[in-house]
Structures are given as C-alpha cells and as structure tokens.
Amino acid sequence: MLLECRTCPARGDACRDCMVSALVDGPSVALDPRESAVVAEFVGAGLLGRDQARGLRARLEPARALPLTPVAASRAG
C-alpha cells in the first residue's frame, strides 16, 4: 500500500486526525508555559487564530547526546 499525502483529497483539513500523521509524527504533549506564552503572543499579534492555537501540541523528539568535554582538574594550592 502506498500512502501519498500530496495527493490526499482531505490534505490540510483532516491531517490532525489522520492515522498516517499519528504514525509519522509520533507522540505529542501539551505546550509548556513558555511555549503557551509565545503562542499567546502570536494570537495577540494576529498571526495565529484562537481556534488554531487551541489545538496546538508539542511534538516529542528524542534527546540528542551532548559531546563530552574534558573537565580540567583543579590544582590544590
């Protein structure tokens, strides 16, 4: 079976409820307070509608490992 989002007749309108989106995008969580504040600024500036903002969720992504850096040994006096 081939699923092609570009040719989907419901593209854009039904993506949020689409099973393909759920499988590809992975789990999501509620916005944290800082993210919510930014979204509120967008709504206040007219860049985003209240209805659109109400359904926003954060997407979970795997954490990336940070490179290890050597710790300098302190010299005892």
PDB file of N, CA and C in Angstrom:
ATOM      1  N   MET A   1       0.843  -1.163   0.000  1.00  0.00           N
ATOM      2  CA  MET A   1       0.000   0.000   0.000  1.00  0.00           C
ATOM      3  C   MET A   1       0.896   1.237   0.000  1.00  0.00           C
ATOM      4  N   LEU A   2       0.565   2.201  -0.811  1.00  0.00           N
ATOM      5  CA  LEU A   2       1.303   3.453  -0.885  1.00  0.00           C
ATOM      6  C   LEU A   2       0.397   4.580  -0.412  1.00  0.00           C
ATOM      7  N   LEU A   3       0.856   5.303   0.583  1.00  0.00           N
ATOM      8  CA  LEU A   3       0.110   6.453   1.084  1.00  0.00           C
ATOM      9  C   LEU A   3       0.870   7.706   0.683  1.00  0.00           C
ATOM     10  N   GLU A   4       0.221   8.577  -0.026  1.00  0.00           N
ATOM     11  CA  GLU A   4       0.859   9.784  -0.536  1.00  0.00           C
ATOM     12  C   GLU A   4       0.091  11.004  -0.049  1.00  0.00           C
ATOM     13  N   CYS A   5       0.649  11.701   0.914  1.00  0.00           N
ATOM     14  CA  CYS A   5      -0.032  12.864   1.493  1.00  0.00           C
ATOM     15  C   CYS A   5      -0.281  13.956   0.455  1.00  0.00           C
ATOM     16  N   ARG A   6       0.625  14.111  -0.506  1.00  0.00           N
ATOM     17  CA  ARG A   6       0.475  15.177  -1.511  1.00  0.00           C
ATOM     18  C   ARG A   6      -0.785  15.026  -2.342  1.00  0.00           C
ATOM     19  N   THR A   7      -1.272  13.796  -2.510  1.00  0.00           N
ATOM     20  CA  THR A   7      -2.458  13.576  -3.340  1.00  0.00           C
ATOM     21  C   THR A   7      -3.708  13.275  -2.519  1.00  0.00           C
ATOM     22  N   CYS A   8      -3.629  13.378  -1.227  1.00  0.00           N
ATOM     23  CA  CYS A   8      -4.776  13.086  -0.366  1.00  0.00           C
ATOM     24  C   CYS A   8      -5.866  14.145  -0.573  1.00  0.00           C
ATOM     25  N   PRO A   9      -7.117  13.735  -0.832  1.00  0.00           N
ATOM     26  CA  PRO A   9      -8.189  14.713  -1.041  1.00  0.00           C
ATOM     27  C   PRO A   9      -8.548  15.499   0.219  1.00  0.00           C
ATOM     28  N   ALA A  10      -8.192  14.998   1.382  1.00  0.00           N
ATOM     29  CA  ALA A  10      -8.510  15.686   2.642  1.00  0.00           C
ATOM     30  C   ALA A  10      -7.298  16.417   3.213  1.00  0.00           C
ATOM     31  N   ARG A  11      -6.234  16.515   2.441  1.00  0.00           N
ATOM     32  CA  ARG A  11      -4.989  17.137   2.919  1.00  0.00           C
ATOM     33  C   ARG A  11      -5.246  18.545   3.460  1.00  0.00           C
ATOM     34  N   GLY A  12      -4.656  18.812   4.587  1.00  0.00           N
ATOM     35  CA  GLY A  12      -4.805  20.119   5.205  1.00  0.00           C
ATOM     36  C   GLY A  12      -5.971  20.179   6.164  1.00  0.00           C
ATOM     37  N   ASP A  13      -7.138  19.720   5.721  1.00  0.00           N
ATOM     38  CA  ASP A  13      -8.332  19.776   6.563  1.00  0.00           C
ATOM     39  C   ASP A  13      -8.379  18.661   7.593  1.00  0.00           C
ATOM     40  N   ALA A  14      -7.878  17.499   7.248  1.00  0.00           N
ATOM     41  CA  ALA A  14      -8.021  16.341   8.126  1.00  0.00           C
ATOM     42  C   ALA A  14      -6.698  15.764   8.607  1.00  0.00           C
ATOM     43  N   CYS A  15      -5.598  16.454   8.389  1.00  0.00           N
ATOM     44  CA  CYS A  15      -4.286  15.923   8.773  1.00  0.00           C
ATOM     45  C   CYS A  15      -4.195  15.622  10.267  1.00  0.00           C
ATOM     46  N   ARG A  16      -4.768  16.487  11.084  1.00  0.00           N
ATOM     47  CA  ARG A  16      -4.673  16.316  12.538  1.00  0.00           C
ATOM     48  C   ARG A  16      -5.273  14.979  12.991  1.00  0.00           C
ATOM     49  N   ASP A  17      -6.329  14.537  12.332  1.00  0.00           N
ATOM     50  CA  ASP A  17      -6.994  13.291  12.725  1.00  0.00           C
ATOM     51  C   ASP A  17      -6.552  12.088  11.897  1.00  0.00           C
ATOM     52  N   CYS A  18      -5.622  12.267  10.989  1.00  0.00           N
ATOM     53  CA  CYS A  18      -5.196  11.197  10.094  1.00  0.00           C
ATOM     54  C   CYS A  18      -4.291  10.196  10.811  1.00  0.00           C
ATOM     55  N   MET A  19      -4.528   8.929  10.581  1.00  0.00           N
ATOM     56  CA  MET A  19      -3.721   7.885  11.201  1.00  0.00           C
ATOM     57  C   MET A  19      -2.278   7.935  10.698  1.00  0.00           C
ATOM     58  N   VAL A  20      -2.073   8.307   9.450  1.00  0.00           N
ATOM     59  CA  VAL A  20      -0.710   8.408   8.918  1.00  0.00           C
ATOM     60  C   VAL A  20       0.064   9.471   9.691  1.00  0.00           C
ATOM     61  N   SER A  21      -0.558  10.612   9.938  1.00  0.00           N
ATOM     62  CA  SER A  21       0.108  11.657  10.714  1.00  0.00           C
ATOM     63  C   SER A  21       0.439  11.169  12.111  1.00  0.00           C
ATOM     64  N   ALA A  22      -0.472  10.428  12.707  1.00  0.00           N
ATOM     65  CA  ALA A  22      -0.225   9.908  14.054  1.00  0.00           C
ATOM     66  C   ALA A  22       0.961   8.951  14.058  1.00  0.00           C
ATOM     67  N   LEU A  23       1.091   8.140  13.036  1.00  0.00           N
ATOM     68  CA  LEU A  23       2.197   7.186  12.968  1.00  0.00           C
ATOM     69  C   LEU A  23       3.520   7.873  12.663  1.00  0.00           C
ATOM     70  N   VAL A  24       3.505   8.843  11.789  1.00  0.00           N
ATOM     71  CA  VAL A  24       4.731   9.510  11.370  1.00  0.00           C
ATOM     72  C   VAL A  24       5.204  10.534  12.395  1.00  0.00           C
ATOM     73  N   ASP A  25       4.282  11.315  12.926  1.00  0.00           N
ATOM     74  CA  ASP A  25       4.662  12.397  13.830  1.00  0.00           C
ATOM     75  C   ASP A  25       4.999  11.931  15.235  1.00  0.00           C
ATOM     76  N   GLY A  26       4.479  10.817  15.654  1.00  0.00           N
ATOM     77  CA  GLY A  26       4.768  10.316  16.991  1.00  0.00           C
ATOM     78  C   GLY A  26       3.956  11.016  18.061  1.00  0.00           C
ATOM     79  N   PRO A  27       4.299  10.759  19.321  1.00  0.00           N
ATOM     80  CA  PRO A  27       3.501  11.289  20.430  1.00  0.00           C
ATOM     81  C   PRO A  27       3.673  12.798  20.595  1.00  0.00           C
ATOM     82  N   SER A  28       2.655  13.401  21.178  1.00  0.00           N
ATOM     83  CA  SER A  28       2.724  14.828  21.454  1.00  0.00           C
ATOM     84  C   SER A  28       2.267  15.087  22.883  1.00  0.00           C
ATOM     85  N   VAL A  29       2.617  16.235  23.399  1.00  0.00           N
ATOM     86  CA  VAL A  29       2.260  16.617  24.765  1.00  0.00           C
ATOM     87  C   VAL A  29       1.739  18.049  24.744  1.00  0.00           C
ATOM     88  N   ALA A  30       1.115  18.444  25.839  1.00  0.00           N
ATOM     89  CA  ALA A  30       0.638  19.819  25.960  1.00  0.00           C
ATOM     90  C   ALA A  30       1.821  20.781  25.946  1.00  0.00           C
ATOM     91  N   LEU A  31       1.576  21.992  25.483  1.00  0.00           N
ATOM     92  CA  LEU A  31       2.628  23.007  25.472  1.00  0.00           C
ATOM     93  C   LEU A  31       3.021  23.366  26.898  1.00  0.00           C
ATOM     94  N   ASP A  32       4.303  23.638  27.102  1.00  0.00           N
ATOM     95  CA  ASP A  32       4.740  24.077  28.428  1.00  0.00           C
ATOM     96  C   ASP A  32       4.409  25.567  28.576  1.00  0.00           C
ATOM     97  N   PRO A  33       4.549  26.134  29.764  1.00  0.00           N
ATOM     98  CA  PRO A  33       4.171  27.539  29.971  1.00  0.00           C
ATOM     99  C   PRO A  33       4.884  28.527  29.039  1.00  0.00           C
ATOM    100  N   ARG A  34       6.144  28.307  28.759  1.00  0.00           N
ATOM    101  CA  ARG A  34       6.870  29.218  27.857  1.00  0.00           C
ATOM    102  C   ARG A  34       6.336  29.122  26.434  1.00  0.00           C
ATOM    103  N   GLU A  35       6.074  27.907  25.969  1.00  0.00           N
ATOM    104  CA  GLU A  35       5.517  27.735  24.626  1.00  0.00           C
ATOM    105  C   GLU A  35       4.132  28.363  24.539  1.00  0.00           C
ATOM    106  N   SER A  36       3.325  28.167  25.576  1.00  0.00           N
ATOM    107  CA  SER A  36       1.980  28.749  25.604  1.00  0.00           C
ATOM    108  C   SER A  36       2.035  30.271  25.553  1.00  0.00           C
ATOM    109  N   ALA A  37       3.008  30.860  26.243  1.00  0.00           N
ATOM    110  CA  ALA A  37       3.156  32.316  26.233  1.00  0.00           C
ATOM    111  C   ALA A  37       3.500  32.827  24.835  1.00  0.00           C
ATOM    112  N   VAL A  38       4.346  32.108  24.127  1.00  0.00           N
ATOM    113  CA  VAL A  38       4.712  32.502  22.765  1.00  0.00           C
ATOM    114  C   VAL A  38       3.498  32.403  21.849  1.00  0.00           C
ATOM    115  N   VAL A  39       2.744  31.324  21.983  1.00  0.00           N
ATOM    116  CA  VAL A  39       1.535  31.160  21.173  1.00  0.00           C
ATOM    117  C   VAL A  39       0.556  32.298  21.464  1.00  0.00           C
ATOM    118  N   ALA A  40       0.411  32.677  22.731  1.00  0.00           N
ATOM    119  CA  ALA A  40      -0.475  33.784  23.101  1.00  0.00           C
ATOM    120  C   ALA A  40      -0.018  35.088  22.439  1.00  0.00           C
ATOM    121  N   GLU A  41       1.289  35.293  22.340  1.00  0.00           N
ATOM    122  CA  GLU A  41       1.814  36.484  21.655  1.00  0.00           C
ATOM    123  C   GLU A  41       1.442  36.459  20.174  1.00  0.00           C
ATOM    124  N   PHE A  42       1.551  35.288  19.548  1.00  0.00           N
ATOM    125  CA  PHE A  42       1.173  35.164  18.137  1.00  0.00           C
ATOM    126  C   PHE A  42      -0.304  35.475  17.942  1.00  0.00           C
ATOM    127  N   VAL A  43      -1.144  34.963  18.837  1.00  0.00           N
ATOM    128  CA  VAL A  43      -2.582  35.226  18.755  1.00  0.00           C
ATOM    129  C   VAL A  43      -2.837  36.719  18.935  1.00  0.00           C
ATOM    130  N   GLY A  44      -2.201  37.320  19.931  1.00  0.00           N
ATOM    131  CA  GLY A  44      -2.373  38.745  20.185  1.00  0.00           C
ATOM    132  C   GLY A  44      -1.943  39.619  19.023  1.00  0.00           C
ATOM    133  N   ALA A  45      -0.939  39.174  18.286  1.00  0.00           N
ATOM    134  CA  ALA A  45      -0.442  39.932  17.136  1.00  0.00           C
ATOM    135  C   ALA A  45      -1.235  39.640  15.867  1.00  0.00           C
ATOM    136  N   GLY A  46      -2.196  38.718  15.950  1.00  0.00           N
ATOM    137  CA  GLY A  46      -2.998  38.384  14.784  1.00  0.00           C
ATOM    138  C   GLY A  46      -2.327  37.422  13.823  1.00  0.00           C
ATOM    139  N   LEU A  47      -1.228  36.812  14.234  1.00  0.00           N
ATOM    140  CA  LEU A  47      -0.512  35.869  13.366  1.00  0.00           C
ATOM    141  C   LEU A  47      -1.100  34.468  13.412  1.00  0.00           C
ATOM    142  N   LEU A  48      -1.920  34.206  14.422  1.00  0.00           N
ATOM    143  CA  LEU A  48      -2.497  32.882  14.623  1.00  0.00           C
ATOM    144  C   LEU A  48      -3.886  33.063  15.203  1.00  0.00           C
ATOM    145  N   GLY A  49      -4.854  32.290  14.691  1.00  0.00           N
ATOM    146  CA  GLY A  49      -6.214  32.378  15.204  1.00  0.00           C
ATOM    147  C   GLY A  49      -6.369  31.630  16.520  1.00  0.00           C
ATOM    148  N   ARG A  50      -7.334  32.069  17.336  1.00  0.00           N
ATOM    149  CA  ARG A  50      -7.569  31.400  18.626  1.00  0.00           C
ATOM    150  C   ARG A  50      -7.926  29.929  18.447  1.00  0.00           C
ATOM    151  N   ASP A  51      -8.721  29.608  17.432  1.00  0.00           N
ATOM    152  CA  ASP A  51      -9.095  28.209  17.204  1.00  0.00           C
ATOM    153  C   ASP A  51      -7.882  27.365  16.837  1.00  0.00           C
ATOM    154  N   GLN A  52      -6.994  27.916  16.024  1.00  0.00           N
ATOM    155  CA  GLN A  52      -5.771  27.191  15.664  1.00  0.00           C
ATOM    156  C   GLN A  52      -4.885  26.994  16.887  1.00  0.00           C
ATOM    157  N   ALA A  53      -4.754  28.021  17.692  1.00  0.00           N
ATOM    158  CA  ALA A  53      -3.881  27.966  18.866  1.00  0.00           C
ATOM    159  C   ALA A  53      -4.388  26.965  19.885  1.00  0.00           C
ATOM    160  N   ARG A  54      -5.689  26.835  19.995  1.00  0.00           N
ATOM    161  CA  ARG A  54      -6.283  25.952  20.999  1.00  0.00           C
ATOM    162  C   ARG A  54      -5.857  24.493  20.796  1.00  0.00           C
ATOM    163  N   GLY A  55      -5.640  24.069  19.569  1.00  0.00           N
ATOM    164  CA  GLY A  55      -5.313  22.672  19.307  1.00  0.00           C
ATOM    165  C   GLY A  55      -3.827  22.358  19.215  1.00  0.00           C
ATOM    166  N   LEU A  56      -2.972  23.342  19.458  1.00  0.00           N
ATOM    167  CA  LEU A  56      -1.534  23.097  19.306  1.00  0.00           C
ATOM    168  C   LEU A  56      -0.990  22.177  20.389  1.00  0.00           C
ATOM    169  N   ARG A  57      -0.074  21.313  19.981  1.00  0.00           N
ATOM    170  CA  ARG A  57       0.597  20.389  20.890  1.00  0.00           C
ATOM    171  C   ARG A  57       2.081  20.400  20.557  1.00  0.00           C
ATOM    172  N   ALA A  58       2.887  20.043  21.519  1.00  0.00           N
ATOM    173  CA  ALA A  58       4.329  19.928  21.297  1.00  0.00           C
ATOM    174  C   ALA A  58       4.640  18.502  20.860  1.00  0.00           C
ATOM    175  N   ARG A  59       5.559  18.370  19.935  1.00  0.00           N
ATOM    176  CA  ARG A  59       5.955  17.045  19.464  1.00  0.00           C
ATOM    177  C   ARG A  59       7.187  16.596  20.235  1.00  0.00           C
ATOM    178  N   LEU A  60       7.143  15.379  20.730  1.00  0.00           N
ATOM    179  CA  LEU A  60       8.288  14.824  21.451  1.00  0.00           C
ATOM    180  C   LEU A  60       9.331  14.342  20.451  1.00  0.00           C
ATOM    181  N   GLU A  61      10.558  14.704  20.685  1.00  0.00           N
ATOM    182  CA  GLU A  61      11.659  14.238  19.851  1.00  0.00           C
ATOM    183  C   GLU A  61      12.726  13.643  20.745  1.00  0.00           C
ATOM    184  N   PRO A  62      13.431  12.641  20.253  1.00  0.00           N
ATOM    185  CA  PRO A  62      14.479  12.036  21.075  1.00  0.00           C
ATOM    186  C   PRO A  62      15.552  13.058  21.431  1.00  0.00           C
ATOM    187  N   ALA A  63      16.052  12.956  22.632  1.00  0.00           N
ATOM    188  CA  ALA A  63      17.120  13.852  23.079  1.00  0.00           C
ATOM    189  C   ALA A  63      18.409  13.489  22.358  1.00  0.00           C
ATOM    190  N   ARG A  64      19.183  14.498  22.044  1.00  0.00           N
ATOM    191  CA  ARG A  64      20.481  14.266  21.415  1.00  0.00           C
ATOM    192  C   ARG A  64      21.551  14.264  22.492  1.00  0.00           C
ATOM    193  N   ALA A  65      22.485  13.379  22.345  1.00  0.00           N
ATOM    194  CA  ALA A  65      23.587  13.322  23.306  1.00  0.00           C
ATOM    195  C   ALA A  65      24.498  14.525  23.092  1.00  0.00           C
ATOM    196  N   LEU A  66      24.893  15.136  24.170  1.00  0.00           N
ATOM    197  CA  LEU A  66      25.825  16.255  24.097  1.00  0.00           C
ATOM    198  C   LEU A  66      27.248  15.719  24.065  1.00  0.00           C
ATOM    199  N   PRO A  67      28.131  16.377  23.336  1.00  0.00           N
ATOM    200  CA  PRO A  67      29.519  15.908  23.311  1.00  0.00           C
ATOM    201  C   PRO A  67      30.151  16.071  24.690  1.00  0.00           C
ATOM    202  N   LEU A  68      30.937  15.102  25.052  1.00  0.00           N
ATOM    203  CA  LEU A  68      31.622  15.162  26.342  1.00  0.00           C
ATOM    204  C   LEU A  68      32.838  16.064  26.228  1.00  0.00           C
ATOM    205  N   THR A  69      33.037  16.881  27.230  1.00  0.00           N
ATOM    206  CA  THR A  69      34.219  17.743  27.250  1.00  0.00           C
ATOM    207  C   THR A  69      35.043  17.387  28.470  1.00  0.00           C
ATOM    208  N   PRO A  70      36.344  17.390  28.342  1.00  0.00           N
ATOM    209  CA  PRO A  70      37.181  17.044  29.494  1.00  0.00           C
ATOM    210  C   PRO A  70      37.037  18.098  30.591  1.00  0.00           C
ATOM    211  N   VAL A  71      37.037  17.644  31.806  1.00  0.00           N
ATOM    212  CA  VAL A  71      36.947  18.533  32.957  1.00  0.00           C
ATOM    213  C   VAL A  71      38.359  18.811  33.432  1.00  0.00           C
ATOM    214  N   ALA A  72      38.691  20.077  33.545  1.00  0.00           N
ATOM    215  CA  ALA A  72      40.038  20.445  33.989  1.00  0.00           C
ATOM    216  C   ALA A  72      40.179  20.140  35.473  1.00  0.00           C
ATOM    217  N   ALA A  73      41.247  19.466  35.816  1.00  0.00           N
ATOM    218  CA  ALA A  73      41.499  19.149  37.230  1.00  0.00           C
ATOM    219  C   ALA A  73      41.940  20.416  37.940  1.00  0.00           C
ATOM    220  N   SER A  74      41.359  20.657  39.081  1.00  0.00           N
ATOM    221  CA  SER A  74      41.762  21.856  39.832  1.00  0.00           C
ATOM    222  C   SER A  74      43.060  21.565  40.569  1.00  0.00           C
ATOM    223  N   ARG A  75      43.887  22.579  40.642  1.00  0.00           N
ATOM    224  CA  ARG A  75      45.186  22.424  41.311  1.00  0.00           C
ATOM    225  C   ARG A  75      45.046  22.803  42.773  1.00  0.00           C
ATOM    226  N   ALA A  76      45.454  21.917  43.607  1.00  0.00           N
ATOM    227  CA  ALA A  76      45.435  22.216  45.047  1.00  0.00           C
ATOM    228  C   ALA A  76      46.688  23.014  45.369  1.00  0.00           C
ATOM    229  N   GLY A  77      46.505  24.132  46.052  1.00  0.00           N
ATOM    230  CA  GLY A  77      47.493  25.078  46.275  1.00  0.00           C
ATOM    231  C   GLY A  77      48.698  24.880  46.978  1.00  0.00           C
TER     232      GLY A  77
END
